[in-house]
Amino acid sequence: MLPGAENLPITRGGGMTVVAEPSPRHQPFGLPGVFVTPCAYLAHRRAESFPEPDVFRPERFLSGRFSPYAYFPFGGGVRRCIGMALALFEMQIVLGTLLRTFQFAPVESGPIRPVRRAVTIVASGGGRMYVERRAVRERLRASR
């Protein structure tokens, strides 16, 4: 979160945050009528929160918890997704089952370029994958 942004004079309506009164201290978003929304793409690439933010290192999420202002896949505050706990639980079950049962490999061998689509980031080629069922012996070994 930008320093001081938590103190913006704002109103909420229709799922958007709108600056309600002028505030020279918080320029450029201190203008009335300006929409303010967090940008996950930028927040998740802050070196202060995530060392080497442009390097793909999923293991960084195993080491500890992050500030709700640094990593917010389900939003934050009073408007945080009420299904967060269920979604995280379901994700563990589904991903565990898929990874135990199948092997995945990308169709394209080159680098994958991130592309912005609305408020999310997706793979440039759509993330096409080869999927192959694991052998029964290998599935049993993976489930232990």
C-alpha atoms as a PDB file:
ATOM      1  CA  MET A   1       0.000   0.000   0.000  1.00  0.00           C
ATOM      2  CA  LEU A   2       1.245   3.474  -0.709  1.00  0.00           C
ATOM      3  CA  PRO A   3       2.253   5.359   2.436  1.00  0.00           C
ATOM      4  CA  GLY A   4      -0.675   7.468   3.620  1.00  0.00           C
ATOM      5  CA  ALA A   5      -3.185   5.800   1.297  1.00  0.00           C
ATOM      6  CA  GLU A   6      -4.944   4.194   4.257  1.00  0.00           C
ATOM      7  CA  ASN A   7      -5.904   7.726   5.412  1.00  0.00           C
ATOM      8  CA  LEU A   8      -7.559   8.870   2.180  1.00  0.00           C
ATOM      9  CA  PRO A   9     -10.956  10.561   2.615  1.00  0.00           C
ATOM     10  CA  ILE A  10     -12.989   8.012   0.685  1.00  0.00           C
ATOM     11  CA  THR A  11     -16.487   6.698   0.217  1.00  0.00           C
ATOM     12  CA  ARG A  12     -17.415   3.276  -1.038  1.00  0.00           C
ATOM     13  CA  GLY A  13     -20.122   2.468  -3.493  1.00  0.00           C
ATOM     14  CA  GLY A  14     -20.830  -0.108  -6.157  1.00  0.00           C
ATOM     15  CA  GLY A  15     -17.661  -2.029  -5.300  1.00  0.00           C
ATOM     16  CA  MET A  16     -15.422   0.940  -6.123  1.00  0.00           C
ATOM     17  CA  THR A  17     -13.538   3.316  -3.868  1.00  0.00           C
ATOM     18  CA  VAL A  18     -13.963   6.990  -4.715  1.00  0.00           C
ATOM     19  CA  VAL A  19     -12.116   9.950  -3.221  1.00  0.00           C
ATOM     20  CA  ALA A  20     -14.814  12.048  -1.524  1.00  0.00           C
ATOM     21  CA  GLU A  21     -13.011  15.311  -0.731  1.00  0.00           C
ATOM     22  CA  PRO A  22      -9.889  17.090  -1.953  1.00  0.00           C
ATOM     23  CA  SER A  23      -6.652  16.245  -0.191  1.00  0.00           C
ATOM     24  CA  PRO A  24      -3.451  17.933  -1.385  1.00  0.00           C
ATOM     25  CA  ARG A  25      -1.469  15.651   0.933  1.00  0.00           C
ATOM     26  CA  HIS A  26      -2.462  12.593  -1.129  1.00  0.00           C
ATOM     27  CA  GLN A  27      -1.953  13.814  -4.692  1.00  0.00           C
ATOM     28  CA  PRO A  28      -2.544  12.467  -7.328  1.00  0.00           C
ATOM     29  CA  PHE A  29      -5.468  10.572  -5.831  1.00  0.00           C
ATOM     30  CA  GLY A  30      -6.706  13.393  -3.634  1.00  0.00           C
ATOM     31  CA  LEU A  31      -9.093  14.677  -6.310  1.00  0.00           C
ATOM     32  CA  PRO A  32     -12.838  14.148  -5.754  1.00  0.00           C
ATOM     33  CA  GLY A  33     -14.344  11.544  -8.045  1.00  0.00           C
ATOM     34  CA  VAL A  34     -11.051   9.713  -8.667  1.00  0.00           C
ATOM     35  CA  PHE A  35     -11.402   5.916  -8.451  1.00  0.00           C
ATOM     36  CA  VAL A  36      -8.819   4.248  -6.210  1.00  0.00           C
ATOM     37  CA  THR A  37      -8.240   0.512  -6.282  1.00  0.00           C
ATOM     38  CA  PRO A  38      -5.290  -1.634  -5.204  1.00  0.00           C
ATOM     39  CA  CYS A  39      -3.101  -3.068  -7.941  1.00  0.00           C
ATOM     40  CA  ALA A  40      -2.123  -6.641  -7.103  1.00  0.00           C
ATOM     41  CA  TYR A  41       0.364  -6.751  -9.994  1.00  0.00           C
ATOM     42  CA  LEU A  42       2.386  -3.859  -8.535  1.00  0.00           C
ATOM     43  CA  ALA A  43       1.945  -4.849  -4.879  1.00  0.00           C
ATOM     44  CA  HIS A  44       3.169  -8.370  -5.568  1.00  0.00           C
ATOM     45  CA  ARG A  45       6.298  -7.003  -7.251  1.00  0.00           C
ATOM     46  CA  ARG A  46       7.508  -4.749  -4.425  1.00  0.00           C
ATOM     47  CA  ALA A  47      11.075  -5.687  -3.490  1.00  0.00           C
ATOM     48  CA  GLU A  48      10.379  -4.578   0.109  1.00  0.00           C
ATOM     49  CA  SER A  49       7.825  -7.380   0.458  1.00  0.00           C
ATOM     50  CA  PHE A  50       9.182  -9.934  -2.016  1.00  0.00           C
ATOM     51  CA  PRO A  51      12.965 -10.013  -2.592  1.00  0.00           C
ATOM     52  CA  GLU A  52      13.702 -10.546  -6.291  1.00  0.00           C
ATOM     53  CA  PRO A  53      10.038 -10.014  -7.231  1.00  0.00           C
ATOM     54  CA  ASP A  54      10.504 -10.781 -10.937  1.00  0.00           C
ATOM     55  CA  VAL A  55      11.995 -14.226 -10.238  1.00  0.00           C
ATOM     56  CA  PHE A  56       9.535 -17.133 -10.175  1.00  0.00           C
ATOM     57  CA  ARG A  57      10.066 -18.609  -6.701  1.00  0.00           C
ATOM     58  CA  PRO A  58       6.826 -20.175  -5.421  1.00  0.00           C
ATOM     59  CA  GLU A  59       8.679 -21.543  -2.368  1.00  0.00           C
ATOM     60  CA  ARG A  60       8.765 -18.002  -0.954  1.00  0.00           C
ATOM     61  CA  PHE A  61       5.168 -18.568   0.157  1.00  0.00           C
ATOM     62  CA  LEU A  62       6.191 -21.549   2.309  1.00  0.00           C
ATOM     63  CA  SER A  63       8.424 -19.502   4.613  1.00  0.00           C
ATOM     64  CA  GLY A  64       5.839 -17.361   6.359  1.00  0.00           C
ATOM     65  CA  ARG A  65       2.937 -14.983   6.285  1.00  0.00           C
ATOM     66  CA  PHE A  66       2.755 -11.719   4.413  1.00  0.00           C
ATOM     67  CA  SER A  67       1.138  -8.441   5.286  1.00  0.00           C
ATOM     68  CA  PRO A  68      -2.450  -8.117   4.032  1.00  0.00           C
ATOM     69  CA  TYR A  69      -1.200  -5.017   2.161  1.00  0.00           C
ATOM     70  CA  ALA A  70       1.572  -6.980   0.391  1.00  0.00           C
ATOM     71  CA  TYR A  71      -0.313 -10.071  -0.790  1.00  0.00           C
ATOM     72  CA  PHE A  72      -4.089  -9.973  -1.217  1.00  0.00           C
ATOM     73  CA  PRO A  73      -5.413 -12.664  -3.573  1.00  0.00           C
ATOM     74  CA  PHE A  74      -8.841 -12.463  -1.898  1.00  0.00           C
ATOM     75  CA  GLY A  75      -9.053  -8.716  -1.366  1.00  0.00           C
ATOM     76  CA  GLY A  76      -8.742  -7.227   2.081  1.00  0.00           C
ATOM     77  CA  GLY A  77     -10.415  -5.537   4.987  1.00  0.00           C
ATOM     78  CA  VAL A  78     -14.134  -5.810   5.564  1.00  0.00           C
ATOM     79  CA  ARG A  79     -14.703  -6.605   1.879  1.00  0.00           C
ATOM     80  CA  ARG A  80     -12.404  -9.620   1.851  1.00  0.00           C
ATOM     81  CA  CYS A  81     -13.887 -12.656   0.109  1.00  0.00           C
ATOM     82  CA  ILE A  82     -15.985 -14.634   2.606  1.00  0.00           C
ATOM     83  CA  GLY A  83     -15.151 -17.821   0.720  1.00  0.00           C
ATOM     84  CA  MET A  84     -11.380 -17.450   1.208  1.00  0.00           C
ATOM     85  CA  ALA A  85     -10.918 -20.335   3.686  1.00  0.00           C
ATOM     86  CA  LEU A  86     -13.070 -22.694   1.607  1.00  0.00           C
ATOM     87  CA  ALA A  87     -11.311 -21.670  -1.628  1.00  0.00           C
ATOM     88  CA  LEU A  88      -7.865 -22.299  -0.126  1.00  0.00           C
ATOM     89  CA  PHE A  89      -8.969 -25.686   1.223  1.00  0.00           C
ATOM     90  CA  GLU A  90     -10.527 -26.687  -2.109  1.00  0.00           C
ATOM     91  CA  MET A  91      -7.409 -25.539  -3.955  1.00  0.00           C
ATOM     92  CA  GLN A  92      -5.219 -27.832  -1.827  1.00  0.00           C
ATOM     93  CA  ILE A  93      -7.501 -30.811  -2.461  1.00  0.00           C
ATOM     94  CA  VAL A  94      -7.864 -30.219  -6.213  1.00  0.00           C
ATOM     95  CA  LEU A  95      -4.197 -29.393  -6.886  1.00  0.00           C
ATOM     96  CA  GLY A  96      -3.029 -32.329  -4.767  1.00  0.00           C
ATOM     97  CA  THR A  97      -5.305 -34.702  -6.678  1.00  0.00           C
ATOM     98  CA  LEU A  98      -4.287 -33.332 -10.086  1.00  0.00           C
ATOM     99  CA  LEU A  99      -0.550 -33.368  -9.348  1.00  0.00           C
ATOM    100  CA  ARG A 100      -0.734 -36.884  -7.890  1.00  0.00           C
ATOM    101  CA  THR A 101      -2.706 -38.234 -10.872  1.00  0.00           C
ATOM    102  CA  PHE A 102      -1.222 -36.389 -13.865  1.00  0.00           C
ATOM    103  CA  GLN A 103       2.044 -34.991 -15.208  1.00  0.00           C
ATOM    104  CA  PHE A 104       1.974 -31.544 -16.817  1.00  0.00           C
ATOM    105  CA  ALA A 105       4.323 -29.972 -19.362  1.00  0.00           C
ATOM    106  CA  PRO A 106       3.963 -26.720 -21.340  1.00  0.00           C
ATOM    107  CA  VAL A 107       3.187 -27.021 -25.062  1.00  0.00           C
ATOM    108  CA  GLU A 108       5.522 -24.137 -25.994  1.00  0.00           C
ATOM    109  CA  SER A 109       9.136 -24.434 -24.910  1.00  0.00           C
ATOM    110  CA  GLY A 110      10.036 -20.724 -24.890  1.00  0.00           C
ATOM    111  CA  PRO A 111       9.514 -18.143 -22.181  1.00  0.00           C
ATOM    112  CA  ILE A 112       5.939 -17.311 -21.216  1.00  0.00           C
ATOM    113  CA  ARG A 113       5.117 -13.615 -21.341  1.00  0.00           C
ATOM    114  CA  PRO A 114       2.600 -12.287 -18.782  1.00  0.00           C
ATOM    115  CA  VAL A 115      -0.330 -10.383 -20.299  1.00  0.00           C
ATOM    116  CA  ARG A 116      -2.852  -8.230 -18.421  1.00  0.00           C
ATOM    117  CA  ARG A 117      -6.474  -9.279 -18.874  1.00  0.00           C
ATOM    118  CA  ALA A 118      -8.866  -7.008 -16.965  1.00  0.00           C
ATOM    119  CA  VAL A 119      -7.611  -7.159 -13.368  1.00  0.00           C
ATOM    120  CA  THR A 120      -5.647 -10.409 -13.689  1.00  0.00           C
ATOM    121  CA  ILE A 121      -2.427 -11.542 -15.345  1.00  0.00           C
ATOM    122  CA  VAL A 122      -2.492 -14.530 -17.721  1.00  0.00           C
ATOM    123  CA  ALA A 123       0.045 -16.395 -19.849  1.00  0.00           C
ATOM    124  CA  SER A 124       0.527 -14.894 -23.330  1.00  0.00           C
ATOM    125  CA  GLY A 125      -0.275 -18.110 -25.189  1.00  0.00           C
ATOM    126  CA  GLY A 126      -3.104 -19.128 -22.921  1.00  0.00           C
ATOM    127  CA  GLY A 127      -0.945 -21.525 -20.905  1.00  0.00           C
ATOM    128  CA  ARG A 128      -1.542 -24.609 -23.045  1.00  0.00           C
ATOM    129  CA  MET A 129      -0.304 -27.818 -21.379  1.00  0.00           C
ATOM    130  CA  TYR A 130       0.327 -31.439 -22.266  1.00  0.00           C
ATOM    131  CA  VAL A 131      -1.403 -33.645 -19.697  1.00  0.00           C
ATOM    132  CA  GLU A 132      -0.443 -37.276 -19.196  1.00  0.00           C
ATOM    133  CA  ARG A 133      -1.832 -39.725 -16.637  1.00  0.00           C
ATOM    134  CA  ARG A 134       0.796 -41.018 -14.231  1.00  0.00           C
ATOM    135  CA  ALA A 135       1.361 -44.772 -13.956  1.00  0.00           C
ATOM    136  CA  VAL A 136      -0.374 -46.433 -10.987  1.00  0.00           C
ATOM    137  CA  ARG A 137       2.961 -47.222  -9.285  1.00  0.00           C
ATOM    138  CA  GLU A 138       4.093 -43.616  -9.671  1.00  0.00           C
ATOM    139  CA  ARG A 139       0.746 -42.314  -8.307  1.00  0.00           C
ATOM    140  CA  LEU A 140       1.113 -44.507  -5.219  1.00  0.00           C
ATOM    141  CA  ARG A 141       4.666 -43.222  -4.672  1.00  0.00           C
ATOM    142  CA  ALA A 142       3.501 -39.582  -5.088  1.00  0.00           C
ATOM    143  CA  SER A 143       0.679 -40.010  -2.543  1.00  0.00           C
ATOM    144  CA  ARG A 144       3.052 -41.011   0.290  1.00  0.00           C
END
